Amino acid sequence: MKKNGFTLVELMIVVAVVAILAMIAIPSYTQYVKRANRTDATKTLTLDAQALERCYSQAFTYVNCAGAAAGSLPSPNGKYTVTINVPDPLVAAPSYSIVAVPLSSDQIGDTACTSFTLNTAGAQGATGTSTAATCWGST
């Protein structure tokens, strides 16, 4: 008499294969999501810099520009806290720096790119284990 079904050994082999695939796929997917979420920071810094430059072209100062007075705000997707720093024009030449640091728990674990910076000269910076070009998506 023939019985259809799986033996315990066959079932355990399938479970082991699925576990091995999960051990490979889940960390890879998590890193992909972190890398994709970095665009929230880079896009926000770029848009804020454009807004500051538009304001400067009209008022010849970065002080009291719409974004500069706001202080620290979350990025549109809520992954980063963005801070715009405008020094006192009586103390320093007109300039600004914008910093984005992780806000959400999934981005806080991103050790490759722990913060992003952009300044008046357009210099893109990042801290972490990766280079600024890698963090900004240039490479």
C-alpha atoms as a PDB file:
ATOM      1  CA  MET A   1       0.000   0.000   0.000  1.00  0.00           C
ATOM      2  CA  LYS A   2       1.484   3.361  -1.089  1.00  0.00           C
ATOM      3  CA  LYS A   3       1.019   6.444   1.118  1.00  0.00           C
ATOM      4  CA  ASN A   4       1.349   9.980  -0.225  1.00  0.00           C
ATOM      5  CA  GLY A   5       2.933  12.667   1.909  1.00  0.00           C
ATOM      6  CA  PHE A   6       6.200  14.018   3.222  1.00  0.00           C
ATOM      7  CA  THR A   7       8.537  12.400   5.665  1.00  0.00           C
ATOM      8  CA  LEU A   8       9.871  14.351   8.600  1.00  0.00           C
ATOM      9  CA  VAL A   9      13.357  14.361   7.034  1.00  0.00           C
ATOM     10  CA  GLU A  10      12.046  15.905   3.799  1.00  0.00           C
ATOM     11  CA  LEU A  11      10.164  18.540   5.758  1.00  0.00           C
ATOM     12  CA  MET A  12      13.244  19.409   7.829  1.00  0.00           C
ATOM     13  CA  ILE A  13      15.360  19.751   4.655  1.00  0.00           C
ATOM     14  CA  VAL A  14      12.837  22.238   3.242  1.00  0.00           C
ATOM     15  CA  VAL A  15      12.816  24.193   6.517  1.00  0.00           C
ATOM     16  CA  ALA A  16      16.630  24.300   6.518  1.00  0.00           C
ATOM     17  CA  VAL A  17      16.759  25.550   2.916  1.00  0.00           C
ATOM     18  CA  VAL A  18      14.187  28.272   3.661  1.00  0.00           C
ATOM     19  CA  ALA A  19      16.128  29.309   6.786  1.00  0.00           C
ATOM     20  CA  ILE A  20      19.379  29.592   4.819  1.00  0.00           C
ATOM     21  CA  LEU A  21      17.694  31.689   2.135  1.00  0.00           C
ATOM     22  CA  ALA A  22      16.144  33.931   4.802  1.00  0.00           C
ATOM     23  CA  MET A  23      19.538  34.426   6.474  1.00  0.00           C
ATOM     24  CA  ILE A  24      20.885  35.724   3.174  1.00  0.00           C
ATOM     25  CA  ALA A  25      17.865  37.645   1.896  1.00  0.00           C
ATOM     26  CA  ILE A  26      16.702  39.556   4.987  1.00  0.00           C
ATOM     27  CA  PRO A  27      19.991  41.418   5.715  1.00  0.00           C
ATOM     28  CA  SER A  28      20.400  42.161   2.019  1.00  0.00           C
ATOM     29  CA  TYR A  29      16.880  43.561   1.812  1.00  0.00           C
ATOM     30  CA  THR A  30      17.380  45.622   4.980  1.00  0.00           C
ATOM     31  CA  GLN A  31      20.544  47.190   3.533  1.00  0.00           C
ATOM     32  CA  TYR A  32      18.726  47.927   0.287  1.00  0.00           C
ATOM     33  CA  VAL A  33      15.930  49.711   2.166  1.00  0.00           C
ATOM     34  CA  LYS A  34      18.437  51.812   4.138  1.00  0.00           C
ATOM     35  CA  ARG A  35      20.253  52.751   0.938  1.00  0.00           C
ATOM     36  CA  ALA A  36      16.965  53.691  -0.733  1.00  0.00           C
ATOM     37  CA  ASN A  37      15.861  55.790   2.258  1.00  0.00           C
ATOM     38  CA  ARG A  38      19.030  57.899   2.004  1.00  0.00           C
ATOM     39  CA  THR A  39      17.409  59.682  -0.928  1.00  0.00           C
ATOM     40  CA  ASP A  40      15.011  61.268   1.569  1.00  0.00           C
ATOM     41  CA  ALA A  41      17.992  63.090   3.116  1.00  0.00           C
ATOM     42  CA  THR A  42      19.796  63.994  -0.101  1.00  0.00           C
ATOM     43  CA  LYS A  43      16.638  65.192  -1.829  1.00  0.00           C
ATOM     44  CA  THR A  44      15.595  67.306   1.161  1.00  0.00           C
ATOM     45  CA  LEU A  45      19.033  68.909   1.513  1.00  0.00           C
ATOM     46  CA  THR A  46      19.130  69.721  -2.186  1.00  0.00           C
ATOM     47  CA  LEU A  47      15.638  71.245  -2.177  1.00  0.00           C
ATOM     48  CA  ASP A  48      16.410  73.295   0.953  1.00  0.00           C
ATOM     49  CA  ALA A  49      19.622  74.575  -0.651  1.00  0.00           C
ATOM     50  CA  GLN A  50      17.690  75.599  -3.759  1.00  0.00           C
ATOM     51  CA  ALA A  51      15.142  77.456  -1.624  1.00  0.00           C
ATOM     52  CA  LEU A  52      17.921  79.264   0.249  1.00  0.00           C
ATOM     53  CA  GLU A  53      19.611  80.274  -3.009  1.00  0.00           C
ATOM     54  CA  ARG A  54      16.313  81.604  -4.409  1.00  0.00           C
ATOM     55  CA  CYS A  55      15.840  83.644  -1.244  1.00  0.00           C
ATOM     56  CA  TYR A  56      19.429  84.925  -1.419  1.00  0.00           C
ATOM     57  CA  SER A  57      18.968  86.002  -5.030  1.00  0.00           C
ATOM     58  CA  GLN A  58      16.092  88.240  -3.927  1.00  0.00           C
ATOM     59  CA  ALA A  59      17.187  89.486  -0.481  1.00  0.00           C
ATOM     60  CA  PHE A  60      21.004  89.068  -0.670  1.00  0.00           C
ATOM     61  CA  THR A  61      20.956  87.278   2.680  1.00  0.00           C
ATOM     62  CA  TYR A  62      20.158  83.803   3.926  1.00  0.00           C
ATOM     63  CA  VAL A  63      18.774  85.177   7.194  1.00  0.00           C
ATOM     64  CA  ASN A  64      14.980  85.077   7.494  1.00  0.00           C
ATOM     65  CA  CYS A  65      14.621  82.781   4.514  1.00  0.00           C
ATOM     66  CA  ALA A  66      11.626  80.479   4.781  1.00  0.00           C
ATOM     67  CA  GLY A  67      13.590  77.320   5.531  1.00  0.00           C
ATOM     68  CA  ALA A  68      16.410  78.874   7.532  1.00  0.00           C
ATOM     69  CA  ALA A  69      14.239  80.211  10.335  1.00  0.00           C
ATOM     70  CA  ALA A  70      12.444  76.927  10.883  1.00  0.00           C
ATOM     71  CA  GLY A  71      15.265  75.170  12.757  1.00  0.00           C
ATOM     72  CA  SER A  72      15.133  71.384  12.851  1.00  0.00           C
ATOM     73  CA  LEU A  73      12.325  69.749  10.911  1.00  0.00           C
ATOM     74  CA  PRO A  74      11.672  66.184   9.805  1.00  0.00           C
ATOM     75  CA  SER A  75      12.257  65.331   6.165  1.00  0.00           C
ATOM     76  CA  PRO A  76       9.154  64.751   3.996  1.00  0.00           C
ATOM     77  CA  ASN A  77       9.270  60.975   4.471  1.00  0.00           C
ATOM     78  CA  GLY A  78      10.118  61.285   8.176  1.00  0.00           C
ATOM     79  CA  LYS A  79      13.400  59.385   7.947  1.00  0.00           C
ATOM     80  CA  TYR A  80      15.739  62.286   8.855  1.00  0.00           C
ATOM     81  CA  THR A  81      15.840  65.453  10.933  1.00  0.00           C
ATOM     82  CA  VAL A  82      17.051  68.350   8.807  1.00  0.00           C
ATOM     83  CA  THR A  83      18.693  71.395  10.410  1.00  0.00           C
ATOM     84  CA  ILE A  84      19.595  74.556   8.511  1.00  0.00           C
ATOM     85  CA  ASN A  85      22.391  76.629  10.058  1.00  0.00           C
ATOM     86  CA  VAL A  86      22.776  80.244   8.926  1.00  0.00           C
ATOM     87  CA  PRO A  87      25.489  82.188  10.781  1.00  0.00           C
ATOM     88  CA  ASP A  88      24.981  85.800  11.763  1.00  0.00           C
ATOM     89  CA  PRO A  89      25.892  87.917   8.696  1.00  0.00           C
ATOM     90  CA  LEU A  90      27.615  90.469  10.958  1.00  0.00           C
ATOM     91  CA  VAL A  91      30.032  87.789  12.131  1.00  0.00           C
ATOM     92  CA  ALA A  92      30.614  85.743   8.998  1.00  0.00           C
ATOM     93  CA  ALA A  93      30.163  85.990   5.244  1.00  0.00           C
ATOM     94  CA  PRO A  94      26.719  84.973   3.962  1.00  0.00           C
ATOM     95  CA  SER A  95      26.655  81.212   4.107  1.00  0.00           C
ATOM     96  CA  TYR A  96      24.670  78.219   5.279  1.00  0.00           C
ATOM     97  CA  SER A  97      25.077  74.577   6.098  1.00  0.00           C
ATOM     98  CA  ILE A  98      22.345  71.973   6.121  1.00  0.00           C
ATOM     99  CA  VAL A  99      22.627  68.769   8.143  1.00  0.00           C
ATOM    100  CA  ALA A 100      20.422  65.670   8.046  1.00  0.00           C
ATOM    101  CA  VAL A 101      20.617  63.038  10.788  1.00  0.00           C
ATOM    102  CA  PRO A 102      18.529  59.853  11.008  1.00  0.00           C
ATOM    103  CA  LEU A 103      15.180  60.177  12.754  1.00  0.00           C
ATOM    104  CA  SER A 104      13.399  56.884  12.201  1.00  0.00           C
ATOM    105  CA  SER A 105      14.539  53.649  13.809  1.00  0.00           C
ATOM    106  CA  ASP A 106      15.219  51.912  10.489  1.00  0.00           C
ATOM    107  CA  GLN A 107      17.702  54.602   9.421  1.00  0.00           C
ATOM    108  CA  ILE A 108      19.407  54.995  12.799  1.00  0.00           C
ATOM    109  CA  GLY A 109      21.072  51.618  12.208  1.00  0.00           C
ATOM    110  CA  ASP A 110      22.591  52.815   8.922  1.00  0.00           C
ATOM    111  CA  THR A 111      26.259  52.946   9.940  1.00  0.00           C
ATOM    112  CA  ALA A 112      27.436  53.474   6.364  1.00  0.00           C
ATOM    113  CA  CYS A 113      25.909  56.969   6.203  1.00  0.00           C
ATOM    114  CA  THR A 114      25.145  58.361   9.655  1.00  0.00           C
ATOM    115  CA  SER A 115      24.606  61.990   8.608  1.00  0.00           C
ATOM    116  CA  PHE A 116      24.572  64.165   5.503  1.00  0.00           C
ATOM    117  CA  THR A 117      25.749  67.760   5.017  1.00  0.00           C
ATOM    118  CA  LEU A 118      25.469  70.355   2.270  1.00  0.00           C
ATOM    119  CA  ASN A 119      26.920  73.867   2.382  1.00  0.00           C
ATOM    120  CA  THR A 120      26.854  77.129   0.461  1.00  0.00           C
ATOM    121  CA  ALA A 121      29.617  76.002  -1.894  1.00  0.00           C
ATOM    122  CA  GLY A 122      27.607  72.921  -2.807  1.00  0.00           C
ATOM    123  CA  ALA A 123      30.009  70.584  -1.038  1.00  0.00           C
ATOM    124  CA  GLN A 124      28.255  67.330  -0.215  1.00  0.00           C
ATOM    125  CA  GLY A 125      29.464  65.553   2.882  1.00  0.00           C
ATOM    126  CA  ALA A 126      28.560  62.496   4.892  1.00  0.00           C
ATOM    127  CA  THR A 127      29.764  60.726   7.986  1.00  0.00           C
ATOM    128  CA  GLY A 128      29.883  56.989   8.472  1.00  0.00           C
ATOM    129  CA  THR A 129      31.824  54.077   7.083  1.00  0.00           C
ATOM    130  CA  SER A 130      31.141  54.966   3.424  1.00  0.00           C
ATOM    131  CA  THR A 131      32.461  57.869   1.389  1.00  0.00           C
ATOM    132  CA  ALA A 132      30.368  60.977   0.794  1.00  0.00           C
ATOM    133  CA  ALA A 133      30.071  60.110  -2.900  1.00  0.00           C
ATOM    134  CA  THR A 134      28.661  56.701  -2.036  1.00  0.00           C
ATOM    135  CA  CYS A 135      26.211  58.140   0.496  1.00  0.00           C
ATOM    136  CA  TRP A 136      25.002  60.796  -1.933  1.00  0.00           C
ATOM    137  CA  GLY A 137      24.614  58.191  -4.682  1.00  0.00           C
ATOM    138  CA  SER A 138      27.352  59.569  -6.928  1.00  0.00           C
ATOM    139  CA  THR A 139      29.086  56.221  -7.290  1.00  0.00           C
END
